[in-house]
């Protein structure tokens, strides 16, 4: 009295969340598998991004160089203004510097 029937079909999720890559890199650690139940804010994976990390480090180094140049320019301008006020150098020299 039991009848088994195999029918073709597909299974799909009620909701789908496409994941698009924003940077190039490599998956370092995968915390959730396909089909796992996740909540907002759950960490899905860690990505190694050596190129982006190198660009970030270079940007930080460039910022430090710019800050050092700014500091030197500020000190130099203060010294030239002081020399201009004391008549040690001409006003034109102060303007040029």
PDB file of N, CA and C in Angstrom:
ATOM      1  N   UNK A   1       0.799  -1.207   0.000  1.00  0.00           N
ATOM      2  CA  UNK A   1       0.000   0.000   0.000  1.00  0.00           C
ATOM      3  C   UNK A   1       0.850   1.283   0.000  1.00  0.00           C
ATOM      4  N   UNK A   2       2.194   1.205  -0.032  1.00  0.00           N
ATOM      5  CA  UNK A   2       3.030   2.406  -0.086  1.00  0.00           C
ATOM      6  C   UNK A   2       3.551   2.579  -1.509  1.00  0.00           C
ATOM      7  N   UNK A   3       3.451   3.786  -2.032  1.00  0.00           N
ATOM      8  CA  UNK A   3       3.919   4.086  -3.374  1.00  0.00           C
ATOM      9  C   UNK A   3       4.958   5.190  -3.287  1.00  0.00           C
ATOM     10  N   UNK A   4       6.143   4.965  -3.821  1.00  0.00           N
ATOM     11  CA  UNK A   4       7.205   5.963  -3.830  1.00  0.00           C
ATOM     12  C   UNK A   4       7.288   6.577  -5.216  1.00  0.00           C
ATOM     13  N   UNK A   5       7.344   7.906  -5.264  1.00  0.00           N
ATOM     14  CA  UNK A   5       7.408   8.598  -6.538  1.00  0.00           C
ATOM     15  C   UNK A   5       8.514   9.648  -6.463  1.00  0.00           C
ATOM     16  N   UNK A   6       9.395   9.698  -7.439  1.00  0.00           N
ATOM     17  CA  UNK A   6      10.468  10.688  -7.519  1.00  0.00           C
ATOM     18  C   UNK A   6      10.087  11.712  -8.579  1.00  0.00           C
ATOM     19  N   UNK A   7      10.014  12.975  -8.176  1.00  0.00           N
ATOM     20  CA  UNK A   7       9.654  14.051  -9.093  1.00  0.00           C
ATOM     21  C   UNK A   7      10.809  15.039  -9.210  1.00  0.00           C
ATOM     22  N   UNK A   8      11.038  15.594 -10.395  1.00  0.00           N
ATOM     23  CA  UNK A   8      12.089  16.606 -10.533  1.00  0.00           C
ATOM     24  C   UNK A   8      11.662  17.910  -9.848  1.00  0.00           C
ATOM     25  N   UNK A   9      12.616  18.612  -9.303  1.00  0.00           N
ATOM     26  CA  UNK A   9      12.296  19.878  -8.653  1.00  0.00           C
ATOM     27  C   UNK A   9      13.557  20.615  -8.234  1.00  0.00           C
ATOM     28  N   UNK A  10      13.387  21.824  -7.789  1.00  0.00           N
ATOM     29  CA  UNK A  10      14.508  22.634  -7.306  1.00  0.00           C
ATOM     30  C   UNK A  10      14.162  23.180  -5.931  1.00  0.00           C
ATOM     31  N   UNK A  11      15.162  23.443  -5.150  1.00  0.00           N
ATOM     32  CA  UNK A  11      14.989  24.026  -3.831  1.00  0.00           C
ATOM     33  C   UNK A  11      15.684  25.380  -3.848  1.00  0.00           C
ATOM     34  N   UNK A  12      14.978  26.402  -3.416  1.00  0.00           N
ATOM     35  CA  UNK A  12      15.592  27.728  -3.353  1.00  0.00           C
ATOM     36  C   UNK A  12      15.202  28.393  -2.038  1.00  0.00           C
ATOM     37  N   UNK A  13      16.012  29.324  -1.610  1.00  0.00           N
ATOM     38  CA  UNK A  13      15.797  30.007  -0.329  1.00  0.00           C
ATOM     39  C   UNK A  13      14.692  31.040  -0.450  1.00  0.00           C
ATOM     40  N   UNK A  14      14.067  31.354   0.688  1.00  0.00           N
ATOM     41  CA  UNK A  14      13.074  32.428   0.698  1.00  0.00           C
ATOM     42  C   UNK A  14      13.750  33.767   0.442  1.00  0.00           C
ATOM     43  N   UNK A  15      14.901  33.950   1.061  1.00  0.00           N
ATOM     44  CA  UNK A  15      15.656  35.191   0.919  1.00  0.00           C
ATOM     45  C   UNK A  15      17.073  34.850   0.489  1.00  0.00           C
ATOM     46  N   UNK A  16      17.621  35.653  -0.392  1.00  0.00           N
ATOM     47  CA  UNK A  16      18.998  35.466  -0.835  1.00  0.00           C
ATOM     48  C   UNK A  16      19.766  36.746  -0.554  1.00  0.00           C
ATOM     49  N   UNK A  17      21.018  36.601  -0.171  1.00  0.00           N
ATOM     50  CA  UNK A  17      21.880  37.750   0.104  1.00  0.00           C
ATOM     51  C   UNK A  17      23.127  37.619  -0.765  1.00  0.00           C
ATOM     52  N   UNK A  18      23.155  38.314  -1.884  1.00  0.00           N
ATOM     53  CA  UNK A  18      24.361  38.238  -2.715  1.00  0.00           C
ATOM     54  C   UNK A  18      25.537  38.919  -2.023  1.00  0.00           C
ATOM     55  N   UNK A  19      26.708  38.355  -2.160  1.00  0.00           N
ATOM     56  CA  UNK A  19      27.923  38.915  -1.573  1.00  0.00           C
ATOM     57  C   UNK A  19      28.838  39.322  -2.714  1.00  0.00           C
ATOM     58  N   UNK A  20      29.153  40.595  -2.775  1.00  0.00           N
ATOM     59  CA  UNK A  20      30.007  41.117  -3.830  1.00  0.00           C
ATOM     60  C   UNK A  20      31.357  41.510  -3.245  1.00  0.00           C
ATOM     61  N   UNK A  21      32.416  41.181  -3.920  1.00  0.00           N
ATOM     62  CA  UNK A  21      33.763  41.519  -3.457  1.00  0.00           C
ATOM     63  C   UNK A  21      33.991  43.019  -3.624  1.00  0.00           C
ATOM     64  N   UNK A  22      34.498  43.652  -2.585  1.00  0.00           N
ATOM     65  CA  UNK A  22      34.822  45.071  -2.645  1.00  0.00           C
ATOM     66  C   UNK A  22      36.320  45.293  -2.843  1.00  0.00           C
ATOM     67  N   UNK A  23      37.116  44.350  -2.417  1.00  0.00           N
ATOM     68  CA  UNK A  23      38.567  44.413  -2.582  1.00  0.00           C
ATOM     69  C   UNK A  23      39.060  43.026  -2.979  1.00  0.00           C
ATOM     70  N   UNK A  24      40.203  43.009  -3.608  1.00  0.00           N
ATOM     71  CA  UNK A  24      40.774  41.713  -3.949  1.00  0.00           C
ATOM     72  C   UNK A  24      41.560  41.187  -2.752  1.00  0.00           C
ATOM     73  N   UNK A  25      41.480  39.892  -2.551  1.00  0.00           N
ATOM     74  CA  UNK A  25      42.187  39.290  -1.432  1.00  0.00           C
ATOM     75  C   UNK A  25      41.942  37.805  -1.394  1.00  0.00           C
ATOM     76  N   UNK A  26      42.289  37.207  -0.292  1.00  0.00           N
ATOM     77  CA  UNK A  26      42.172  35.771  -0.103  1.00  0.00           C
ATOM     78  C   UNK A  26      41.390  35.504   1.174  1.00  0.00           C
ATOM     79  N   UNK A  27      40.571  34.473   1.167  1.00  0.00           N
ATOM     80  CA  UNK A  27      39.812  34.114   2.360  1.00  0.00           C
ATOM     81  C   UNK A  27      40.776  33.494   3.367  1.00  0.00           C
ATOM     82  N   UNK A  28      40.881  34.135   4.530  1.00  0.00           N
ATOM     83  CA  UNK A  28      41.763  33.647   5.589  1.00  0.00           C
ATOM     84  C   UNK A  28      41.041  32.627   6.463  1.00  0.00           C
ATOM     85  N   UNK A  29      39.807  32.950   6.841  1.00  0.00           N
ATOM     86  CA  UNK A  29      39.038  32.072   7.710  1.00  0.00           C
ATOM     87  C   UNK A  29      37.570  32.203   7.332  1.00  0.00           C
ATOM     88  N   UNK A  30      36.869  31.075   7.256  1.00  0.00           N
ATOM     89  CA  UNK A  30      35.453  31.047   6.906  1.00  0.00           C
ATOM     90  C   UNK A  30      34.682  30.604   8.141  1.00  0.00           C
ATOM     91  N   UNK A  31      33.772  31.437   8.658  1.00  0.00           N
ATOM     92  CA  UNK A  31      33.070  31.151   9.904  1.00  0.00           C
ATOM     93  C   UNK A  31      31.670  30.577   9.697  1.00  0.00           C
ATOM     94  N   UNK A  32      31.051  30.848   8.597  1.00  0.00           N
ATOM     95  CA  UNK A  32      29.698  30.352   8.325  1.00  0.00           C
ATOM     96  C   UNK A  32      29.704  29.614   6.995  1.00  0.00           C
ATOM     97  N   UNK A  33      28.966  28.537   6.938  1.00  0.00           N
ATOM     98  CA  UNK A  33      28.882  27.753   5.717  1.00  0.00           C
ATOM     99  C   UNK A  33      27.672  28.212   4.913  1.00  0.00           C
ATOM    100  N   UNK A  34      27.606  27.796   3.657  1.00  0.00           N
ATOM    101  CA  UNK A  34      26.458  28.106   2.820  1.00  0.00           C
ATOM    102  C   UNK A  34      25.201  27.512   3.447  1.00  0.00           C
ATOM    103  N   UNK A  35      24.166  28.314   3.516  1.00  0.00           N
ATOM    104  CA  UNK A  35      22.906  27.839   4.063  1.00  0.00           C
ATOM    105  C   UNK A  35      22.770  28.001   5.560  1.00  0.00           C
ATOM    106  N   UNK A  36      23.811  28.474   6.242  1.00  0.00           N
ATOM    107  CA  UNK A  36      23.747  28.645   7.697  1.00  0.00           C
ATOM    108  C   UNK A  36      22.855  29.832   8.043  1.00  0.00           C
ATOM    109  N   UNK A  37      22.214  29.747   9.168  1.00  0.00           N
ATOM    110  CA  UNK A  37      21.385  30.847   9.650  1.00  0.00           C
ATOM    111  C   UNK A  37      22.309  31.896  10.262  1.00  0.00           C
ATOM    112  N   UNK A  38      22.183  33.117   9.815  1.00  0.00           N
ATOM    113  CA  UNK A  38      23.016  34.209  10.330  1.00  0.00           C
ATOM    114  C   UNK A  38      22.130  35.361  10.762  1.00  0.00           C
ATOM    115  N   UNK A  39      22.664  36.168  11.639  1.00  0.00           N
ATOM    116  CA  UNK A  39      21.976  37.352  12.113  1.00  0.00           C
ATOM    117  C   UNK A  39      22.753  38.574  11.659  1.00  0.00           C
ATOM    118  N   UNK A  40      22.124  39.706  11.717  1.00  0.00           N
ATOM    119  CA  UNK A  40      22.770  40.954  11.356  1.00  0.00           C
ATOM    120  C   UNK A  40      23.991  41.168  12.246  1.00  0.00           C
ATOM    121  N   UNK A  41      25.120  41.444  11.640  1.00  0.00           N
ATOM    122  CA  UNK A  41      26.346  41.695  12.385  1.00  0.00           C
ATOM    123  C   UNK A  41      27.220  40.474  12.580  1.00  0.00           C
ATOM    124  N   UNK A  42      26.735  39.282  12.203  1.00  0.00           N
ATOM    125  CA  UNK A  42      27.552  38.070  12.331  1.00  0.00           C
ATOM    126  C   UNK A  42      28.746  38.134  11.385  1.00  0.00           C
ATOM    127  N   UNK A  43      29.887  37.693  11.866  1.00  0.00           N
ATOM    128  CA  UNK A  43      31.092  37.642  11.050  1.00  0.00           C
ATOM    129  C   UNK A  43      31.037  36.398  10.185  1.00  0.00           C
ATOM    130  N   UNK A  44      31.089  36.580   8.878  1.00  0.00           N
ATOM    131  CA  UNK A  44      31.006  35.455   7.955  1.00  0.00           C
ATOM    132  C   UNK A  44      32.380  34.914   7.601  1.00  0.00           C
ATOM    133  N   UNK A  45      33.323  35.806   7.369  1.00  0.00           N
ATOM    134  CA  UNK A  45      34.654  35.368   6.944  1.00  0.00           C
ATOM    135  C   UNK A  45      35.661  36.468   7.219  1.00  0.00           C
ATOM    136  N   UNK A  46      36.931  36.087   7.252  1.00  0.00           N
ATOM    137  CA  UNK A  46      38.040  37.047   7.310  1.00  0.00           C
ATOM    138  C   UNK A  46      38.772  36.966   5.983  1.00  0.00           C
ATOM    139  N   UNK A  47      39.127  38.113   5.469  1.00  0.00           N
ATOM    140  CA  UNK A  47      39.801  38.160   4.174  1.00  0.00           C
ATOM    141  C   UNK A  47      41.186  38.761   4.349  1.00  0.00           C
ATOM    142  N   UNK A  48      42.188  38.113   3.812  1.00  0.00           N
ATOM    143  CA  UNK A  48      43.545  38.645   3.754  1.00  0.00           C
ATOM    144  C   UNK A  48      43.638  39.548   2.537  1.00  0.00           C
ATOM    145  N   UNK A  49      44.042  40.779   2.732  1.00  0.00           N
ATOM    146  CA  UNK A  49      44.154  41.723   1.625  1.00  0.00           C
ATOM    147  C   UNK A  49      45.541  42.333   1.620  1.00  0.00           C
ATOM    148  N   UNK A  50      46.558  41.602   1.180  1.00  0.00           N
ATOM    149  CA  UNK A  50      47.919  42.125   1.255  1.00  0.00           C
ATOM    150  C   UNK A  50      48.127  43.396   0.434  1.00  0.00           C
ATOM    151  N   UNK A  51      47.497  43.484  -0.712  1.00  0.00           N
ATOM    152  CA  UNK A  51      47.682  44.678  -1.542  1.00  0.00           C
ATOM    153  C   UNK A  51      47.055  45.903  -0.886  1.00  0.00           C
ATOM    154  N   UNK A  52      45.840  45.739  -0.362  1.00  0.00           N
ATOM    155  CA  UNK A  52      45.176  46.844   0.316  1.00  0.00           C
ATOM    156  C   UNK A  52      45.919  47.233   1.590  1.00  0.00           C
ATOM    157  N   UNK A  53      46.431  46.247   2.325  1.00  0.00           N
ATOM    158  CA  UNK A  53      47.220  46.536   3.528  1.00  0.00           C
ATOM    159  C   UNK A  53      48.467  47.331   3.188  1.00  0.00           C
ATOM    160  N   UNK A  54      49.122  46.989   2.071  1.00  0.00           N
ATOM    161  CA  UNK A  54      50.318  47.717   1.647  1.00  0.00           C
ATOM    162  C   UNK A  54      49.967  49.147   1.240  1.00  0.00           C
ATOM    163  N   UNK A  55      48.842  49.320   0.549  1.00  0.00           N
ATOM    164  CA  UNK A  55      48.408  50.669   0.163  1.00  0.00           C
ATOM    165  C   UNK A  55      48.088  51.513   1.400  1.00  0.00           C
ATOM    166  N   UNK A  56      47.472  50.898   2.405  1.00  0.00           N
ATOM    167  CA  UNK A  56      47.138  51.606   3.636  1.00  0.00           C
ATOM    168  C   UNK A  56      48.403  52.020   4.382  1.00  0.00           C
ATOM    169  N   UNK A  57      49.372  51.107   4.448  1.00  0.00           N
ATOM    170  CA  UNK A  57      50.637  51.422   5.122  1.00  0.00           C
ATOM    171  C   UNK A  57      51.359  52.550   4.387  1.00  0.00           C
ATOM    172  N   UNK A  58      51.320  52.536   3.057  1.00  0.00           N
ATOM    173  CA  UNK A  58      51.957  53.596   2.282  1.00  0.00           C
ATOM    174  C   UNK A  58      51.260  54.931   2.516  1.00  0.00           C
ATOM    175  N   UNK A  59      49.944  54.914   2.596  1.00  0.00           N
ATOM    176  CA  UNK A  59      49.196  56.151   2.863  1.00  0.00           C
ATOM    177  C   UNK A  59      49.525  56.709   4.241  1.00  0.00           C
ATOM    178  N   UNK A  60      49.664  55.823   5.235  1.00  0.00           N
ATOM    179  CA  UNK A  60      50.051  56.279   6.576  1.00  0.00           C
ATOM    180  C   UNK A  60      51.450  56.887   6.562  1.00  0.00           C
ATOM    181  N   UNK A  61      52.376  56.268   5.831  1.00  0.00           N
ATOM    182  CA  UNK A  61      53.741  56.802   5.738  1.00  0.00           C
ATOM    183  C   UNK A  61      53.733  58.153   5.030  1.00  0.00           C
ATOM    184  N   UNK A  62      52.928  58.284   3.957  1.00  0.00           N
ATOM    185  CA  UNK A  62      52.832  59.561   3.248  1.00  0.00           C
ATOM    186  C   UNK A  62      52.270  60.652   4.147  1.00  0.00           C
ATOM    187  N   UNK A  63      51.293  60.287   4.987  1.00  0.00           N
ATOM    188  CA  UNK A  63      50.726  61.261   5.929  1.00  0.00           C
ATOM    189  C   UNK A  63      51.786  61.735   6.917  1.00  0.00           C
ATOM    190  N   UNK A  64      52.587  60.817   7.442  1.00  0.00           N
ATOM    191  CA  UNK A  64      53.637  61.198   8.393  1.00  0.00           C
ATOM    192  C   UNK A  64      54.671  62.102   7.737  1.00  0.00           C
ATOM    193  N   UNK A  65      55.020  61.826   6.475  1.00  0.00           N
ATOM    194  CA  UNK A  65      55.967  62.671   5.747  1.00  0.00           C
ATOM    195  C   UNK A  65      55.388  64.073   5.575  1.00  0.00           C
ATOM    196  N   UNK A  66      54.108  64.156   5.181  1.00  0.00           N
ATOM    197  CA  UNK A  66      53.469  65.461   4.996  1.00  0.00           C
ATOM    198  C   UNK A  66      53.398  66.229   6.315  1.00  0.00           C
ATOM    199  N   UNK A  67      53.107  65.538   7.421  1.00  0.00           N
ATOM    200  CA  UNK A  67      53.056  66.203   8.724  1.00  0.00           C
ATOM    201  C   UNK A  67      54.436  66.712   9.131  1.00  0.00           C
ATOM    202  N   UNK A  68      55.478  65.932   8.851  1.00  0.00           N
ATOM    203  CA  UNK A  68      56.838  66.364   9.179  1.00  0.00           C
ATOM    204  C   UNK A  68      57.231  67.585   8.347  1.00  0.00           C
ATOM    205  N   UNK A  69      56.886  67.575   7.056  1.00  0.00           N
ATOM    206  CA  UNK A  69      57.190  68.722   6.191  1.00  0.00           C
ATOM    207  C   UNK A  69      56.440  69.965   6.645  1.00  0.00           C
ATOM    208  N   UNK A  70      55.184  69.775   7.068  1.00  0.00           N
ATOM    209  CA  UNK A  70      54.403  70.900   7.564  1.00  0.00           C
ATOM    210  C   UNK A  70      55.029  71.474   8.833  1.00  0.00           C
ATOM    211  N   UNK A  71      55.447  70.585   9.732  1.00  0.00           N
ATOM    212  CA  UNK A  71      56.089  71.046  10.968  1.00  0.00           C
ATOM    213  C   UNK A  71      57.366  71.825  10.685  1.00  0.00           C
ATOM    214  N   UNK A  72      58.178  71.324   9.763  1.00  0.00           N
ATOM    215  CA  UNK A  72      59.417  72.021   9.395  1.00  0.00           C
ATOM    216  C   UNK A  72      59.108  73.365   8.743  1.00  0.00           C
ATOM    217  N   UNK A  73      58.093  73.411   7.871  1.00  0.00           N
ATOM    218  CA  UNK A  73      57.729  74.668   7.217  1.00  0.00           C
ATOM    219  C   UNK A  73      57.226  75.693   8.226  1.00  0.00           C
ATOM    220  N   UNK A  74      56.494  75.245   9.219  1.00  0.00           N
ATOM    221  CA  UNK A  74      55.986  76.153  10.256  1.00  0.00           C
ATOM    222  C   UNK A  74      57.138  76.749  11.061  1.00  0.00           C
ATOM    223  N   UNK A  75      58.078  75.898  11.470  1.00  0.00           N
ATOM    224  CA  UNK A  75      59.237  76.378  12.235  1.00  0.00           C
ATOM    225  C   UNK A  75      60.074  77.350  11.408  1.00  0.00           C
ATOM    226  N   UNK A  76      60.299  76.993  10.143  1.00  0.00           N
ATOM    227  CA  UNK A  76      61.096  77.850   9.262  1.00  0.00           C
ATOM    228  C   UNK A  76      60.422  79.207   9.063  1.00  0.00           C
ATOM    229  N   UNK A  77      59.104  79.205   8.843  1.00  0.00           N
ATOM    230  CA  UNK A  77      58.383  80.469   8.649  1.00  0.00           C
ATOM    231  C   UNK A  77      58.452  81.336   9.897  1.00  0.00           C
ATOM    232  N   UNK A  78      58.343  80.730  11.054  1.00  0.00           N
ATOM    233  CA  UNK A  78      58.427  81.486  12.316  1.00  0.00           C
ATOM    234  C   UNK A  78      59.806  82.119  12.469  1.00  0.00           C
ATOM    235  N   UNK A  79      60.842  81.364  12.145  1.00  0.00           N
ATOM    236  CA  UNK A  79      62.211  81.896  12.246  1.00  0.00           C
ATOM    237  C   UNK A  79      62.435  83.055  11.274  1.00  0.00           C
ATOM    238  N   UNK A  80      61.965  82.918  10.035  1.00  0.00           N
ATOM    239  CA  UNK A  80      62.160  83.982   9.056  1.00  0.00           C
ATOM    240  C   UNK A  80      61.379  85.228   9.447  1.00  0.00           C
ATOM    241  N   UNK A  81      60.173  85.063   9.980  1.00  0.00           N
ATOM    242  CA  UNK A  81      59.413  86.235  10.431  1.00  0.00           C
ATOM    243  C   UNK A  81      60.145  86.948  11.567  1.00  0.00           C
ATOM    244  N   UNK A  82      60.706  86.165  12.490  1.00  0.00           N
ATOM    245  CA  UNK A  82      61.446  86.768  13.607  1.00  0.00           C
ATOM    246  C   UNK A  82      62.676  87.518  13.095  1.00  0.00           C
ATOM    247  N   UNK A  83      63.373  86.925  12.136  1.00  0.00           N
ATOM    248  CA  UNK A  83      64.547  87.616  11.575  1.00  0.00           C
ATOM    249  C   UNK A  83      64.128  88.869  10.823  1.00  0.00           C
ATOM    250  N   UNK A  84      62.961  88.832  10.159  1.00  0.00           N
ATOM    251  CA  UNK A  84      62.470  90.012   9.442  1.00  0.00           C
ATOM    252  C   UNK A  84      62.099  91.133  10.384  1.00  0.00           C
ATOM    253  N   UNK A  85      61.519  90.793  11.529  1.00  0.00           N
ATOM    254  CA  UNK A  85      61.140  91.820  12.507  1.00  0.00           C
ATOM    255  C   UNK A  85      62.364  92.435  13.173  1.00  0.00           C
ATOM    256  N   UNK A  86      63.426  91.654  13.299  1.00  0.00           N
ATOM    257  CA  UNK A  86      64.635  92.182  13.931  1.00  0.00           C
ATOM    258  C   UNK A  86      65.561  92.849  12.917  1.00  0.00           C
ATOM    259  N   UNK A  87      65.119  92.986  11.683  1.00  0.00           N
ATOM    260  CA  UNK A  87      65.881  93.613  10.601  1.00  0.00           C
ATOM    261  C   UNK A  87      67.179  92.867  10.282  1.00  0.00           C
ATOM    262  N   UNK A  88      67.270  91.580  10.642  1.00  0.00           N
ATOM    263  CA  UNK A  88      68.470  90.787  10.333  1.00  0.00           C
ATOM    264  C   UNK A  88      68.520  90.435   8.848  1.00  0.00           C
ATOM    265  N   UNK A  89      67.357  90.342   8.224  1.00  0.00           N
ATOM    266  CA  UNK A  89      67.264  90.080   6.787  1.00  0.00           C
ATOM    267  C   UNK A  89      66.261  91.056   6.188  1.00  0.00           C
ATOM    268  N   UNK A  90      66.299  91.182   4.871  1.00  0.00           N
ATOM    269  CA  UNK A  90      65.393  92.112   4.207  1.00  0.00           C
ATOM    270  C   UNK A  90      63.969  91.559   4.178  1.00  0.00           C
ATOM    271  N   UNK A  91      63.023  92.446   4.010  1.00  0.00           N
ATOM    272  CA  UNK A  91      61.618  92.056   3.922  1.00  0.00           C
ATOM    273  C   UNK A  91      61.362  91.170   2.699  1.00  0.00           C
ATOM    274  N   UNK A  92      62.101  91.464   1.628  1.00  0.00           N
ATOM    275  CA  UNK A  92      61.949  90.667   0.409  1.00  0.00           C
ATOM    276  C   UNK A  92      62.397  89.224   0.648  1.00  0.00           C
ATOM    277  N   UNK A  93      63.491  89.045   1.392  1.00  0.00           N
ATOM    278  CA  UNK A  93      63.969  87.678   1.707  1.00  0.00           C
ATOM    279  C   UNK A  93      62.934  86.900   2.515  1.00  0.00           C
ATOM    280  N   UNK A  94      62.299  87.603   3.460  1.00  0.00           N
ATOM    281  CA  UNK A  94      61.249  86.962   4.256  1.00  0.00           C
ATOM    282  C   UNK A  94      60.089  86.550   3.359  1.00  0.00           C
ATOM    283  N   UNK A  95      59.689  87.419   2.435  1.00  0.00           N
ATOM    284  CA  UNK A  95      58.600  87.113   1.530  1.00  0.00           C
ATOM    285  C   UNK A  95      58.931  85.931   0.623  1.00  0.00           C
ATOM    286  N   UNK A  96      60.165  85.877   0.139  1.00  0.00           N
ATOM    287  CA  UNK A  96      60.585  84.794  -0.746  1.00  0.00           C
ATOM    288  C   UNK A  96      60.559  83.465   0.007  1.00  0.00           C
ATOM    289  N   UNK A  97      61.067  83.492   1.259  1.00  0.00           N
ATOM    290  CA  UNK A  97      61.115  82.254   2.037  1.00  0.00           C
ATOM    291  C   UNK A  97      59.730  81.857   2.491  1.00  0.00           C
TER     292      UNK A  97
END
